[in-house]
């Protein structure tokens, strides 16, 4: 796990792309409360990865990675609800959920890697 800063982390890059996808998908939505919550959850993932890494403490980094993982789970729940309400197509939902699960697994792997070096 060689990296200089959070911008080098593949999980951060993918979380940014996921957030951008959510913003684009919801651009014309009129469901403001769900839209706002999904945008916030999506943006929280890469933001917490960055904040944790910038704190220069392995313990803080792990804590913020766990927060990012939680926000990612929150986003996944919101995708399920939006799909059940018919706001997101089943095909798009599957795509978003697969990516979210992969990001979650990557976050867990990074947490384990950092913990093993404590």
N, C-alpha and C. Protein backbone atom coordinates (compact mmCIF):
# COMPACT_ATOMS: atom_id res chain seq x y z
N UNK A 1 0.84 -1.17 0.00
CA UNK A 1 0.00 0.00 0.00
C UNK A 1 0.89 1.24 0.00
N UNK A 2 1.53 1.50 -1.13
CA UNK A 2 2.40 2.67 -1.23
C UNK A 2 1.61 3.84 -1.80
N UNK A 3 1.52 4.91 -1.02
CA UNK A 3 0.85 6.11 -1.49
C UNK A 3 1.45 7.31 -0.78
N UNK A 4 1.42 8.44 -1.43
CA UNK A 4 1.94 9.68 -0.86
C UNK A 4 0.84 10.51 -0.21
N UNK A 5 -0.34 10.49 -0.84
CA UNK A 5 -1.46 11.26 -0.32
C UNK A 5 -2.76 10.60 -0.76
N UNK A 6 -3.86 11.11 -0.27
CA UNK A 6 -5.14 10.47 -0.55
C UNK A 6 -5.47 10.43 -2.04
N UNK A 7 -4.96 11.41 -2.82
CA UNK A 7 -5.24 11.44 -4.26
C UNK A 7 -4.63 10.23 -4.99
N UNK A 8 -3.68 9.57 -4.35
CA UNK A 8 -3.06 8.37 -4.94
C UNK A 8 -3.89 7.11 -4.70
N UNK A 9 -4.82 7.17 -3.77
CA UNK A 9 -5.60 5.98 -3.40
C UNK A 9 -6.69 5.69 -4.42
N UNK A 10 -6.69 4.47 -4.94
CA UNK A 10 -7.71 4.07 -5.92
C UNK A 10 -9.11 4.16 -5.32
N UNK A 11 -9.26 3.84 -4.05
CA UNK A 11 -10.58 3.90 -3.42
C UNK A 11 -11.09 5.34 -3.37
N UNK A 12 -10.20 6.30 -3.15
CA UNK A 12 -10.61 7.71 -3.16
C UNK A 12 -11.05 8.11 -4.57
N UNK A 13 -10.30 7.70 -5.57
CA UNK A 13 -10.64 8.02 -6.96
C UNK A 13 -12.01 7.45 -7.33
N UNK A 14 -12.25 6.20 -6.96
CA UNK A 14 -13.53 5.57 -7.27
C UNK A 14 -14.67 6.18 -6.48
N UNK A 15 -14.42 6.58 -5.24
CA UNK A 15 -15.45 7.23 -4.44
C UNK A 15 -15.79 8.61 -5.03
N UNK A 16 -14.79 9.32 -5.54
CA UNK A 16 -15.06 10.59 -6.22
C UNK A 16 -15.92 10.36 -7.46
N UNK A 17 -15.58 9.34 -8.23
CA UNK A 17 -16.35 9.03 -9.44
C UNK A 17 -17.78 8.63 -9.07
N UNK A 18 -17.94 7.89 -7.98
CA UNK A 18 -19.28 7.50 -7.52
C UNK A 18 -20.08 8.74 -7.13
N UNK A 19 -19.46 9.67 -6.42
CA UNK A 19 -20.14 10.90 -6.03
C UNK A 19 -20.56 11.70 -7.26
N UNK A 20 -19.66 11.81 -8.22
CA UNK A 20 -19.97 12.54 -9.46
C UNK A 20 -21.13 11.88 -10.19
N UNK A 21 -21.16 10.56 -10.22
CA UNK A 21 -22.25 9.83 -10.88
C UNK A 21 -23.59 10.11 -10.19
N UNK A 22 -23.58 10.14 -8.87
CA UNK A 22 -24.80 10.44 -8.12
C UNK A 22 -25.29 11.85 -8.44
N UNK A 23 -24.38 12.81 -8.41
CA UNK A 23 -24.77 14.20 -8.74
C UNK A 23 -25.38 14.28 -10.14
N UNK A 24 -24.76 13.63 -11.10
CA UNK A 24 -25.28 13.68 -12.47
C UNK A 24 -26.63 12.98 -12.59
N UNK A 25 -26.76 11.84 -11.93
CA UNK A 25 -28.00 11.08 -11.99
C UNK A 25 -29.17 11.88 -11.41
N UNK A 26 -28.91 12.60 -10.35
CA UNK A 26 -29.97 13.30 -9.63
C UNK A 26 -30.16 14.75 -10.07
N UNK A 27 -29.43 15.17 -11.06
CA UNK A 27 -29.40 16.57 -11.48
C UNK A 27 -30.79 17.19 -11.66
N UNK A 28 -31.71 16.46 -12.28
CA UNK A 28 -33.04 17.00 -12.58
C UNK A 28 -34.13 16.53 -11.62
N UNK A 29 -33.74 15.88 -10.54
CA UNK A 29 -34.72 15.38 -9.59
C UNK A 29 -35.44 16.52 -8.90
N UNK A 30 -36.70 16.28 -8.59
CA UNK A 30 -37.49 17.23 -7.80
C UNK A 30 -37.69 16.72 -6.37
N UNK A 31 -37.24 15.53 -6.09
CA UNK A 31 -37.35 14.93 -4.74
C UNK A 31 -36.20 15.47 -3.90
N UNK A 32 -36.35 16.70 -3.43
CA UNK A 32 -35.23 17.42 -2.86
C UNK A 32 -34.63 16.79 -1.62
N UNK A 33 -35.43 16.26 -0.73
CA UNK A 33 -34.86 15.70 0.50
C UNK A 33 -34.05 14.44 0.21
N UNK A 34 -34.58 13.54 -0.60
CA UNK A 34 -33.85 12.32 -0.95
C UNK A 34 -32.63 12.67 -1.80
N UNK A 35 -32.80 13.58 -2.74
CA UNK A 35 -31.69 14.04 -3.59
C UNK A 35 -30.56 14.60 -2.72
N UNK A 36 -30.89 15.49 -1.80
CA UNK A 36 -29.90 16.11 -0.93
C UNK A 36 -29.18 15.06 -0.09
N UNK A 37 -29.93 14.13 0.47
CA UNK A 37 -29.32 13.12 1.32
C UNK A 37 -28.39 12.21 0.53
N UNK A 38 -28.80 11.83 -0.68
CA UNK A 38 -27.95 10.96 -1.51
C UNK A 38 -26.68 11.69 -1.95
N UNK A 39 -26.81 12.97 -2.30
CA UNK A 39 -25.63 13.74 -2.68
C UNK A 39 -24.67 13.88 -1.50
N UNK A 40 -25.23 14.13 -0.32
CA UNK A 40 -24.38 14.27 0.87
C UNK A 40 -23.69 12.95 1.24
N UNK A 41 -24.43 11.85 1.18
CA UNK A 41 -23.83 10.55 1.49
C UNK A 41 -22.72 10.23 0.51
N UNK A 42 -23.00 10.45 -0.77
CA UNK A 42 -22.00 10.14 -1.80
C UNK A 42 -20.75 10.98 -1.66
N UNK A 43 -20.91 12.27 -1.37
CA UNK A 43 -19.76 13.16 -1.22
C UNK A 43 -18.99 12.89 0.07
N UNK A 44 -19.68 12.38 1.07
CA UNK A 44 -19.05 12.09 2.35
C UNK A 44 -17.99 10.99 2.24
N UNK A 45 -18.15 10.08 1.31
CA UNK A 45 -17.21 8.96 1.21
C UNK A 45 -15.80 9.45 0.86
N UNK A 46 -15.59 10.10 -0.29
CA UNK A 46 -14.23 10.55 -0.59
C UNK A 46 -13.74 11.65 0.36
N UNK A 47 -14.67 12.46 0.86
CA UNK A 47 -14.29 13.54 1.77
C UNK A 47 -13.71 12.99 3.07
N UNK A 48 -14.31 11.93 3.59
CA UNK A 48 -13.79 11.34 4.83
C UNK A 48 -12.49 10.58 4.61
N UNK A 49 -12.32 9.97 3.45
CA UNK A 49 -11.04 9.34 3.13
C UNK A 49 -9.95 10.41 3.17
N UNK A 50 -10.21 11.54 2.51
CA UNK A 50 -9.24 12.63 2.45
C UNK A 50 -8.96 13.21 3.84
N UNK A 51 -10.01 13.50 4.58
CA UNK A 51 -9.82 14.10 5.90
C UNK A 51 -9.03 13.18 6.82
N UNK A 52 -9.35 11.91 6.80
CA UNK A 52 -8.63 10.97 7.66
C UNK A 52 -7.16 10.87 7.32
N UNK A 53 -6.86 10.80 6.04
CA UNK A 53 -5.46 10.68 5.62
C UNK A 53 -4.68 11.94 5.95
N UNK A 54 -5.31 13.09 5.84
CA UNK A 54 -4.64 14.36 6.09
C UNK A 54 -4.36 14.60 7.58
N UNK A 55 -4.93 13.84 8.45
CA UNK A 55 -4.72 14.04 9.89
C UNK A 55 -3.40 13.46 10.38
N UNK A 56 -2.71 12.72 9.54
CA UNK A 56 -1.38 12.19 9.88
C UNK A 56 -1.36 11.33 11.13
N UNK A 57 -2.43 10.60 11.33
CA UNK A 57 -2.52 9.67 12.46
C UNK A 57 -3.21 8.40 11.95
N UNK A 58 -2.56 7.27 12.15
CA UNK A 58 -3.16 6.01 11.68
C UNK A 58 -4.51 5.77 12.34
N UNK A 59 -4.61 6.08 13.63
CA UNK A 59 -5.87 5.89 14.33
C UNK A 59 -6.98 6.77 13.77
N UNK A 60 -6.66 8.03 13.50
CA UNK A 60 -7.65 8.92 12.90
C UNK A 60 -8.01 8.47 11.49
N UNK A 61 -7.00 8.05 10.73
CA UNK A 61 -7.27 7.60 9.37
C UNK A 61 -8.24 6.43 9.39
N UNK A 62 -8.01 5.47 10.25
CA UNK A 62 -8.92 4.32 10.36
C UNK A 62 -10.32 4.77 10.76
N UNK A 63 -10.41 5.68 11.72
CA UNK A 63 -11.71 6.18 12.17
C UNK A 63 -12.47 6.83 11.01
N UNK A 64 -11.79 7.65 10.22
CA UNK A 64 -12.45 8.32 9.11
C UNK A 64 -12.77 7.36 7.96
N UNK A 65 -11.95 6.34 7.78
CA UNK A 65 -12.28 5.32 6.78
C UNK A 65 -13.55 4.58 7.19
N UNK A 66 -13.72 4.34 8.47
CA UNK A 66 -14.95 3.70 8.95
C UNK A 66 -16.16 4.61 8.76
N UNK A 67 -15.97 5.89 8.95
CA UNK A 67 -17.06 6.85 8.69
C UNK A 67 -17.40 6.82 7.20
N UNK A 68 -16.38 6.82 6.35
CA UNK A 68 -16.60 6.75 4.89
C UNK A 68 -17.37 5.48 4.53
N UNK A 69 -16.99 4.37 5.15
CA UNK A 69 -17.67 3.10 4.90
C UNK A 69 -19.13 3.18 5.33
N UNK A 70 -19.39 3.82 6.46
CA UNK A 70 -20.76 4.01 6.92
C UNK A 70 -21.58 4.88 5.97
N UNK A 71 -20.97 5.95 5.48
CA UNK A 71 -21.65 6.82 4.52
C UNK A 71 -21.94 6.07 3.23
N UNK A 72 -21.03 5.20 2.84
CA UNK A 72 -21.24 4.40 1.64
C UNK A 72 -22.42 3.44 1.83
N UNK A 73 -22.55 2.87 3.01
CA UNK A 73 -23.71 2.03 3.31
C UNK A 73 -25.00 2.82 3.33
N UNK A 74 -24.92 4.03 3.84
CA UNK A 74 -26.08 4.92 3.84
C UNK A 74 -26.52 5.21 2.40
N UNK A 75 -25.55 5.51 1.53
CA UNK A 75 -25.86 5.76 0.13
C UNK A 75 -26.50 4.53 -0.51
N UNK A 76 -25.98 3.36 -0.21
CA UNK A 76 -26.53 2.13 -0.78
C UNK A 76 -28.00 1.95 -0.36
N UNK A 77 -28.31 2.24 0.88
CA UNK A 77 -29.69 2.17 1.35
C UNK A 77 -30.57 3.14 0.57
N UNK A 78 -30.09 4.34 0.35
CA UNK A 78 -30.85 5.35 -0.36
C UNK A 78 -31.06 4.96 -1.83
N UNK A 79 -30.07 4.30 -2.42
CA UNK A 79 -30.24 3.78 -3.79
C UNK A 79 -31.35 2.75 -3.82
N UNK A 80 -31.37 1.86 -2.83
CA UNK A 80 -32.44 0.85 -2.76
C UNK A 80 -33.81 1.53 -2.66
N UNK A 81 -33.93 2.51 -1.78
CA UNK A 81 -35.22 3.20 -1.59
C UNK A 81 -35.63 3.92 -2.87
N UNK A 82 -34.70 4.64 -3.48
CA UNK A 82 -35.01 5.37 -4.72
C UNK A 82 -35.43 4.41 -5.83
N UNK A 83 -34.83 3.25 -5.86
CA UNK A 83 -35.20 2.24 -6.86
C UNK A 83 -36.59 1.69 -6.58
N UNK A 84 -36.88 1.38 -5.32
CA UNK A 84 -38.19 0.87 -4.95
C UNK A 84 -39.30 1.89 -5.25
N UNK A 85 -38.96 3.16 -5.18
CA UNK A 85 -39.93 4.21 -5.49
C UNK A 85 -40.04 4.47 -6.99
N UNK A 86 -39.17 3.84 -7.77
CA UNK A 86 -39.20 4.00 -9.22
C UNK A 86 -38.44 5.21 -9.73
N UNK A 87 -37.61 5.81 -8.89
CA UNK A 87 -36.84 6.99 -9.30
C UNK A 87 -35.55 6.62 -10.04
N UNK A 88 -35.06 5.41 -9.79
CA UNK A 88 -33.86 4.90 -10.45
C UNK A 88 -34.24 3.58 -11.11
N UNK A 89 -33.80 3.38 -12.34
CA UNK A 89 -34.11 2.14 -13.05
C UNK A 89 -33.40 0.97 -12.38
N UNK A 90 -33.97 -0.23 -12.49
CA UNK A 90 -33.31 -1.41 -11.91
C UNK A 90 -31.90 -1.62 -12.46
N UNK A 91 -31.70 -1.35 -13.74
CA UNK A 91 -30.38 -1.53 -14.35
C UNK A 91 -29.37 -0.56 -13.75
N UNK A 92 -29.74 0.71 -13.65
CA UNK A 92 -28.84 1.71 -13.07
C UNK A 92 -28.60 1.41 -11.61
N UNK A 93 -29.62 0.97 -10.92
CA UNK A 93 -29.49 0.62 -9.51
C UNK A 93 -28.46 -0.49 -9.32
N UNK A 94 -28.54 -1.53 -10.13
CA UNK A 94 -27.57 -2.63 -10.03
C UNK A 94 -26.15 -2.11 -10.22
N UNK A 95 -25.97 -1.26 -11.21
CA UNK A 95 -24.65 -0.68 -11.48
C UNK A 95 -24.13 0.11 -10.29
N UNK A 96 -24.97 0.96 -9.73
CA UNK A 96 -24.58 1.77 -8.58
C UNK A 96 -24.29 0.91 -7.35
N UNK A 97 -25.10 -0.11 -7.13
CA UNK A 97 -24.92 -0.97 -5.96
C UNK A 97 -23.65 -1.80 -6.05
N UNK A 98 -23.34 -2.30 -7.24
CA UNK A 98 -22.10 -3.06 -7.42
C UNK A 98 -20.89 -2.18 -7.10
N UNK A 99 -20.88 -0.97 -7.65
CA UNK A 99 -19.76 -0.06 -7.39
C UNK A 99 -19.67 0.29 -5.91
N UNK A 100 -20.79 0.55 -5.27
CA UNK A 100 -20.79 0.88 -3.85
C UNK A 100 -20.24 -0.28 -3.01
N UNK A 101 -20.63 -1.49 -3.34
CA UNK A 101 -20.13 -2.66 -2.61
C UNK A 101 -18.63 -2.85 -2.81
N UNK A 102 -18.15 -2.58 -4.02
CA UNK A 102 -16.71 -2.70 -4.28
C UNK A 102 -15.93 -1.63 -3.50
N UNK A 103 -16.46 -0.43 -3.45
CA UNK A 103 -15.82 0.63 -2.67
C UNK A 103 -15.79 0.25 -1.19
N UNK A 104 -16.87 -0.30 -0.69
CA UNK A 104 -16.92 -0.74 0.70
C UNK A 104 -15.86 -1.79 0.99
N UNK A 105 -15.71 -2.75 0.08
CA UNK A 105 -14.69 -3.79 0.25
C UNK A 105 -13.28 -3.18 0.21
N UNK A 106 -13.08 -2.22 -0.67
CA UNK A 106 -11.78 -1.55 -0.75
C UNK A 106 -11.47 -0.79 0.54
N UNK A 107 -12.48 -0.12 1.08
CA UNK A 107 -12.29 0.59 2.35
C UNK A 107 -11.94 -0.38 3.47
N UNK A 108 -12.64 -1.51 3.52
CA UNK A 108 -12.35 -2.51 4.56
C UNK A 108 -10.94 -3.05 4.40
N UNK A 109 -10.52 -3.29 3.16
CA UNK A 109 -9.16 -3.76 2.92
C UNK A 109 -8.11 -2.75 3.37
N UNK A 110 -8.37 -1.47 3.11
CA UNK A 110 -7.44 -0.43 3.53
C UNK A 110 -7.40 -0.33 5.05
N UNK A 111 -8.54 -0.44 5.69
CA UNK A 111 -8.58 -0.44 7.17
C UNK A 111 -7.73 -1.58 7.72
N UNK A 112 -7.91 -2.77 7.17
CA UNK A 112 -7.12 -3.93 7.65
C UNK A 112 -5.63 -3.74 7.42
N UNK A 113 -5.28 -3.18 6.27
CA UNK A 113 -3.86 -2.96 5.96
C UNK A 113 -3.24 -1.98 6.96
N UNK A 114 -3.96 -0.91 7.28
CA UNK A 114 -3.44 0.07 8.22
C UNK A 114 -3.37 -0.52 9.62
N UNK A 115 -4.41 -1.27 10.02
CA UNK A 115 -4.42 -1.90 11.35
C UNK A 115 -3.26 -2.88 11.51
N UNK A 116 -2.91 -3.57 10.46
CA UNK A 116 -1.83 -4.56 10.55
C UNK A 116 -0.47 -3.91 10.75
N UNK A 117 -0.39 -2.61 10.46
CA UNK A 117 0.87 -1.88 10.64
C UNK A 117 0.92 -1.05 11.90
N UNK A 118 -0.11 -1.16 12.75
CA UNK A 118 -0.11 -0.40 14.02
C UNK A 118 0.80 -1.01 15.03
